Amino acid sequence: MADSLPLAYLPMFLHCVIGLVAAQVAQRKGYDLGLWMVWGMVGGTVALVDALRRPRQPQ
């Protein structure tokens, strides 16, 4: 049981990494980084797809 515990954390870790990538993509497009970090941690892959599909913010 103890040997499989670190393996169980791998999907959660990857979910958070994908969320951070989503926040970075959104920030480069002109969106609020803090808001997107929260959305990325909750949404993961869905947040990344959302960030990739959004248009750039006018400056």
PDB file of N, CA and C in Angstrom:
ATOM      1  N   MET A   1       0.821  -1.193   0.000  1.00  0.00           N
ATOM      2  CA  MET A   1       0.000   0.000   0.000  1.00  0.00           C
ATOM      3  C   MET A   1       0.864   1.256   0.000  1.00  0.00           C
ATOM      4  N   ALA A   2       1.908   1.273   0.803  1.00  0.00           N
ATOM      5  CA  ALA A   2       2.761   2.454   0.896  1.00  0.00           C
ATOM      6  C   ALA A   2       3.519   2.694  -0.411  1.00  0.00           C
ATOM      7  N   ASP A   3       3.793   1.623  -1.169  1.00  0.00           N
ATOM      8  CA  ASP A   3       4.520   1.787  -2.425  1.00  0.00           C
ATOM      9  C   ASP A   3       3.671   2.448  -3.498  1.00  0.00           C
ATOM     10  N   SER A   4       2.362   2.276  -3.461  1.00  0.00           N
ATOM     11  CA  SER A   4       1.497   2.843  -4.487  1.00  0.00           C
ATOM     12  C   SER A   4       1.073   4.279  -4.170  1.00  0.00           C
ATOM     13  N   LEU A   5       1.377   4.780  -2.986  1.00  0.00           N
ATOM     14  CA  LEU A   5       0.962   6.125  -2.593  1.00  0.00           C
ATOM     15  C   LEU A   5       1.574   7.218  -3.471  1.00  0.00           C
ATOM     16  N   PRO A   6       2.893   7.221  -3.734  1.00  0.00           N
ATOM     17  CA  PRO A   6       3.432   8.267  -4.610  1.00  0.00           C
ATOM     18  C   PRO A   6       2.850   8.216  -6.022  1.00  0.00           C
ATOM     19  N   LEU A   7       2.541   7.049  -6.514  1.00  0.00           N
ATOM     20  CA  LEU A   7       1.956   6.920  -7.842  1.00  0.00           C
ATOM     21  C   LEU A   7       0.557   7.522  -7.885  1.00  0.00           C
ATOM     22  N   ALA A   8      -0.142   7.487  -6.776  1.00  0.00           N
ATOM     23  CA  ALA A   8      -1.485   8.073  -6.719  1.00  0.00           C
ATOM     24  C   ALA A   8      -1.437   9.586  -6.817  1.00  0.00           C
ATOM     25  N   TYR A   9      -0.335  10.197  -6.430  1.00  0.00           N
ATOM     26  CA  TYR A   9      -0.204  11.651  -6.497  1.00  0.00           C
ATOM     27  C   TYR A   9       0.155  12.152  -7.893  1.00  0.00           C
ATOM     28  N   LEU A  10       0.593  11.292  -8.771  1.00  0.00           N
ATOM     29  CA  LEU A  10       1.008  11.705 -10.109  1.00  0.00           C
ATOM     30  C   LEU A  10      -0.103  12.394 -10.903  1.00  0.00           C
ATOM     31  N   PRO A  11      -1.324  11.863 -10.974  1.00  0.00           N
ATOM     32  CA  PRO A  11      -2.380  12.578 -11.715  1.00  0.00           C
ATOM     33  C   PRO A  11      -2.700  13.944 -11.113  1.00  0.00           C
ATOM     34  N   MET A  12      -2.673  14.068  -9.796  1.00  0.00           N
ATOM     35  CA  MET A  12      -2.930  15.370  -9.172  1.00  0.00           C
ATOM     36  C   MET A  12      -1.815  16.354  -9.493  1.00  0.00           C
ATOM     37  N   PHE A  13      -0.583  15.890  -9.490  1.00  0.00           N
ATOM     38  CA  PHE A  13       0.549  16.742  -9.828  1.00  0.00           C
ATOM     39  C   PHE A  13       0.460  17.216 -11.276  1.00  0.00           C
ATOM     40  N   LEU A  14       0.159  16.311 -12.190  1.00  0.00           N
ATOM     41  CA  LEU A  14       0.028  16.685 -13.599  1.00  0.00           C
ATOM     42  C   LEU A  14      -1.141  17.639 -13.821  1.00  0.00           C
ATOM     43  N   HIS A  15      -2.225  17.450 -13.087  1.00  0.00           N
ATOM     44  CA  HIS A  15      -3.378  18.350 -13.159  1.00  0.00           C
ATOM     45  C   HIS A  15      -2.955  19.769 -12.791  1.00  0.00           C
ATOM     46  N   CYS A  16      -2.177  19.901 -11.739  1.00  0.00           N
ATOM     47  CA  CYS A  16      -1.721  21.222 -11.305  1.00  0.00           C
ATOM     48  C   CYS A  16      -0.721  21.831 -12.284  1.00  0.00           C
ATOM     49  N   VAL A  17       0.151  21.017 -12.854  1.00  0.00           N
ATOM     50  CA  VAL A  17       1.100  21.528 -13.844  1.00  0.00           C
ATOM     51  C   VAL A  17       0.360  22.041 -15.079  1.00  0.00           C
ATOM     52  N   ILE A  18      -0.626  21.305 -15.539  1.00  0.00           N
ATOM     53  CA  ILE A  18      -1.431  21.739 -16.683  1.00  0.00           C
ATOM     54  C   ILE A  18      -2.158  23.029 -16.336  1.00  0.00           C
ATOM     55  N   GLY A  19      -2.637  23.156 -15.104  1.00  0.00           N
ATOM     56  CA  GLY A  19      -3.282  24.385 -14.662  1.00  0.00           C
ATOM     57  C   GLY A  19      -2.333  25.568 -14.669  1.00  0.00           C
ATOM     58  N   LEU A  20      -1.092  25.359 -14.251  1.00  0.00           N
ATOM     59  CA  LEU A  20      -0.105  26.441 -14.287  1.00  0.00           C
ATOM     60  C   LEU A  20       0.225  26.847 -15.720  1.00  0.00           C
ATOM     61  N   VAL A  21       0.290  25.892 -16.616  1.00  0.00           N
ATOM     62  CA  VAL A  21       0.514  26.205 -18.035  1.00  0.00           C
ATOM     63  C   VAL A  21      -0.654  27.017 -18.578  1.00  0.00           C
ATOM     64  N   ALA A  22      -1.869  26.662 -18.197  1.00  0.00           N
ATOM     65  CA  ALA A  22      -3.049  27.417 -18.623  1.00  0.00           C
ATOM     66  C   ALA A  22      -2.975  28.848 -18.130  1.00  0.00           C
ATOM     67  N   ALA A  23      -2.558  29.042 -16.890  1.00  0.00           N
ATOM     68  CA  ALA A  23      -2.432  30.396 -16.342  1.00  0.00           C
ATOM     69  C   ALA A  23      -1.380  31.194 -17.097  1.00  0.00           C
ATOM     70  N   GLN A  24      -0.284  30.560 -17.455  1.00  0.00           N
ATOM     71  CA  GLN A  24       0.777  31.243 -18.202  1.00  0.00           C
ATOM     72  C   GLN A  24       0.302  31.632 -19.598  1.00  0.00           C
ATOM     73  N   VAL A  25      -0.415  30.752 -20.258  1.00  0.00           N
ATOM     74  CA  VAL A  25      -0.950  31.049 -21.596  1.00  0.00           C
ATOM     75  C   VAL A  25      -1.925  32.213 -21.522  1.00  0.00           C
ATOM     76  N   ALA A  26      -2.816  32.182 -20.542  1.00  0.00           N
ATOM     77  CA  ALA A  26      -3.803  33.254 -20.395  1.00  0.00           C
ATOM     78  C   ALA A  26      -3.126  34.580 -20.067  1.00  0.00           C
ATOM     79  N   GLN A  27      -2.108  34.543 -19.232  1.00  0.00           N
ATOM     80  CA  GLN A  27      -1.401  35.778 -18.872  1.00  0.00           C
ATOM     81  C   GLN A  27      -0.701  36.384 -20.080  1.00  0.00           C
ATOM     82  N   ARG A  28      -0.138  35.567 -20.926  1.00  0.00           N
ATOM     83  CA  ARG A  28       0.514  36.078 -22.138  1.00  0.00           C
ATOM     84  C   ARG A  28      -0.491  36.651 -23.130  1.00  0.00           C
ATOM     85  N   LYS A  29      -1.743  36.239 -23.015  1.00  0.00           N
ATOM     86  CA  LYS A  29      -2.787  36.788 -23.872  1.00  0.00           C
ATOM     87  C   LYS A  29      -3.441  38.025 -23.266  1.00  0.00           C
ATOM     88  N   GLY A  30      -2.996  38.417 -22.062  1.00  0.00           N
ATOM     89  CA  GLY A  30      -3.480  39.640 -21.461  1.00  0.00           C
ATOM     90  C   GLY A  30      -4.522  39.468 -20.380  1.00  0.00           C
ATOM     91  N   TYR A  31      -4.726  38.268 -19.886  1.00  0.00           N
ATOM     92  CA  TYR A  31      -5.705  38.016 -18.841  1.00  0.00           C
ATOM     93  C   TYR A  31      -5.025  38.028 -17.474  1.00  0.00           C
ATOM     94  N   ASP A  32      -5.828  38.132 -16.401  1.00  0.00           N
ATOM     95  CA  ASP A  32      -5.329  38.220 -15.042  1.00  0.00           C
ATOM     96  C   ASP A  32      -4.691  36.899 -14.606  1.00  0.00           C
ATOM     97  N   LEU A  33      -3.419  36.964 -14.212  1.00  0.00           N
ATOM     98  CA  LEU A  33      -2.678  35.754 -13.848  1.00  0.00           C
ATOM     99  C   LEU A  33      -3.251  35.094 -12.597  1.00  0.00           C
ATOM    100  N   GLY A  34      -3.564  35.883 -11.573  1.00  0.00           N
ATOM    101  CA  GLY A  34      -4.072  35.317 -10.324  1.00  0.00           C
ATOM    102  C   GLY A  34      -5.374  34.566 -10.499  1.00  0.00           C
ATOM    103  N   LEU A  35      -6.282  35.168 -11.237  1.00  0.00           N
ATOM    104  CA  LEU A  35      -7.566  34.512 -11.505  1.00  0.00           C
ATOM    105  C   LEU A  35      -7.355  33.210 -12.277  1.00  0.00           C
ATOM    106  N   TRP A  36      -6.468  33.242 -13.246  1.00  0.00           N
ATOM    107  CA  TRP A  36      -6.234  32.057 -14.061  1.00  0.00           C
ATOM    108  C   TRP A  36      -5.444  30.985 -13.316  1.00  0.00           C
ATOM    109  N   MET A  37      -4.649  31.376 -12.315  1.00  0.00           N
ATOM    110  CA  MET A  37      -3.981  30.348 -11.499  1.00  0.00           C
ATOM    111  C   MET A  37      -5.012  29.561 -10.695  1.00  0.00           C
ATOM    112  N   VAL A  38      -5.998  30.268 -10.143  1.00  0.00           N
ATOM    113  CA  VAL A  38      -7.059  29.578  -9.404  1.00  0.00           C
ATOM    114  C   VAL A  38      -7.860  28.692 -10.347  1.00  0.00           C
ATOM    115  N   TRP A  39      -8.273  29.240 -11.486  1.00  0.00           N
ATOM    116  CA  TRP A  39      -9.036  28.480 -12.468  1.00  0.00           C
ATOM    117  C   TRP A  39      -8.222  27.288 -12.967  1.00  0.00           C
ATOM    118  N   GLY A  40      -6.920  27.470 -13.166  1.00  0.00           N
ATOM    119  CA  GLY A  40      -6.072  26.375 -13.627  1.00  0.00           C
ATOM    120  C   GLY A  40      -5.951  25.254 -12.613  1.00  0.00           C
ATOM    121  N   MET A  41      -5.844  25.607 -11.317  1.00  0.00           N
ATOM    122  CA  MET A  41      -5.739  24.575 -10.285  1.00  0.00           C
ATOM    123  C   MET A  41      -7.038  23.794 -10.139  1.00  0.00           C
ATOM    124  N   VAL A  42      -8.150  24.462 -10.352  1.00  0.00           N
ATOM    125  CA  VAL A  42      -9.446  23.793 -10.246  1.00  0.00           C
ATOM    126  C   VAL A  42      -9.775  23.056 -11.546  1.00  0.00           C
ATOM    127  N   GLY A  43      -9.554  23.726 -12.665  1.00  0.00           N
ATOM    128  CA  GLY A  43      -9.995  23.197 -13.948  1.00  0.00           C
ATOM    129  C   GLY A  43      -9.008  22.303 -14.670  1.00  0.00           C
ATOM    130  N   GLY A  44      -7.713  22.528 -14.474  1.00  0.00           N
ATOM    131  CA  GLY A  44      -6.699  21.694 -15.120  1.00  0.00           C
ATOM    132  C   GLY A  44      -6.765  21.738 -16.637  1.00  0.00           C
ATOM    133  N   THR A  45      -7.058  20.623 -17.250  1.00  0.00           N
ATOM    134  CA  THR A  45      -7.090  20.505 -18.705  1.00  0.00           C
ATOM    135  C   THR A  45      -8.167  21.388 -19.328  1.00  0.00           C
ATOM    136  N   VAL A  46      -9.295  21.499 -18.677  1.00  0.00           N
ATOM    137  CA  VAL A  46     -10.378  22.351 -19.191  1.00  0.00           C
ATOM    138  C   VAL A  46      -9.924  23.806 -19.224  1.00  0.00           C
ATOM    139  N   ALA A  47      -9.194  24.229 -18.204  1.00  0.00           N
ATOM    140  CA  ALA A  47      -8.675  25.602 -18.162  1.00  0.00           C
ATOM    141  C   ALA A  47      -7.662  25.828 -19.276  1.00  0.00           C
ATOM    142  N   LEU A  48      -6.841  24.845 -19.566  1.00  0.00           N
ATOM    143  CA  LEU A  48      -5.864  24.986 -20.650  1.00  0.00           C
ATOM    144  C   LEU A  48      -6.562  25.133 -21.995  1.00  0.00           C
ATOM    145  N   VAL A  49      -7.554  24.315 -22.253  1.00  0.00           N
ATOM    146  CA  VAL A  49      -8.300  24.423 -23.511  1.00  0.00           C
ATOM    147  C   VAL A  49      -8.984  25.783 -23.594  1.00  0.00           C
ATOM    148  N   ASP A  50      -9.557  26.239 -22.493  1.00  0.00           N
ATOM    149  CA  ASP A  50     -10.207  27.545 -22.450  1.00  0.00           C
ATOM    150  C   ASP A  50      -9.203  28.655 -22.740  1.00  0.00           C
ATOM    151  N   ALA A  51      -8.032  28.608 -22.121  1.00  0.00           N
ATOM    152  CA  ALA A  51      -7.011  29.633 -22.333  1.00  0.00           C
ATOM    153  C   ALA A  51      -6.511  29.640 -23.773  1.00  0.00           C
ATOM    154  N   LEU A  52      -6.373  28.474 -24.364  1.00  0.00           N
ATOM    155  CA  LEU A  52      -5.886  28.402 -25.737  1.00  0.00           C
ATOM    156  C   LEU A  52      -6.905  28.935 -26.744  1.00  0.00           C
ATOM    157  N   ARG A  53      -8.185  28.791 -26.432  1.00  0.00           N
ATOM    158  CA  ARG A  53      -9.229  29.231 -27.354  1.00  0.00           C
ATOM    159  C   ARG A  53      -9.587  30.706 -27.238  1.00  0.00           C
ATOM    160  N   ARG A  54      -9.220  31.345 -26.123  1.00  0.00           N
ATOM    161  CA  ARG A  54      -9.565  32.745 -25.918  1.00  0.00           C
ATOM    162  C   ARG A  54      -8.725  33.659 -26.810  1.00  0.00           C
ATOM    163  N   PRO A  55      -9.334  34.748 -27.288  1.00  0.00           N
ATOM    164  CA  PRO A  55      -8.554  35.710 -28.087  1.00  0.00           C
ATOM    165  C   PRO A  55      -7.679  36.577 -27.179  1.00  0.00           C
ATOM    166  N   ARG A  56      -6.702  37.226 -27.791  1.00  0.00           N
ATOM    167  CA  ARG A  56      -5.863  38.165 -27.044  1.00  0.00           C
ATOM    168  C   ARG A  56      -6.688  39.367 -26.599  1.00  0.00           C
ATOM    169  N   GLN A  57      -6.382  39.893 -25.432  1.00  0.00           N
ATOM    170  CA  GLN A  57      -7.033  41.091 -24.931  1.00  0.00           C
ATOM    171  C   GLN A  57      -6.423  42.312 -25.637  1.00  0.00           C
ATOM    172  N   PRO A  58      -7.255  43.265 -26.061  1.00  0.00           N
ATOM    173  CA  PRO A  58      -6.691  44.488 -26.617  1.00  0.00           C
ATOM    174  C   PRO A  58      -6.009  45.287 -25.509  1.00  0.00           C
ATOM    175  N   GLN A  59      -4.899  45.912 -25.860  1.00  0.00           N
ATOM    176  CA  GLN A  59      -4.147  46.647 -24.830  1.00  0.00           C
ATOM    177  C   GLN A  59      -4.467  48.079 -24.795  1.00  0.00           C
TER     178      GLN A  59
END
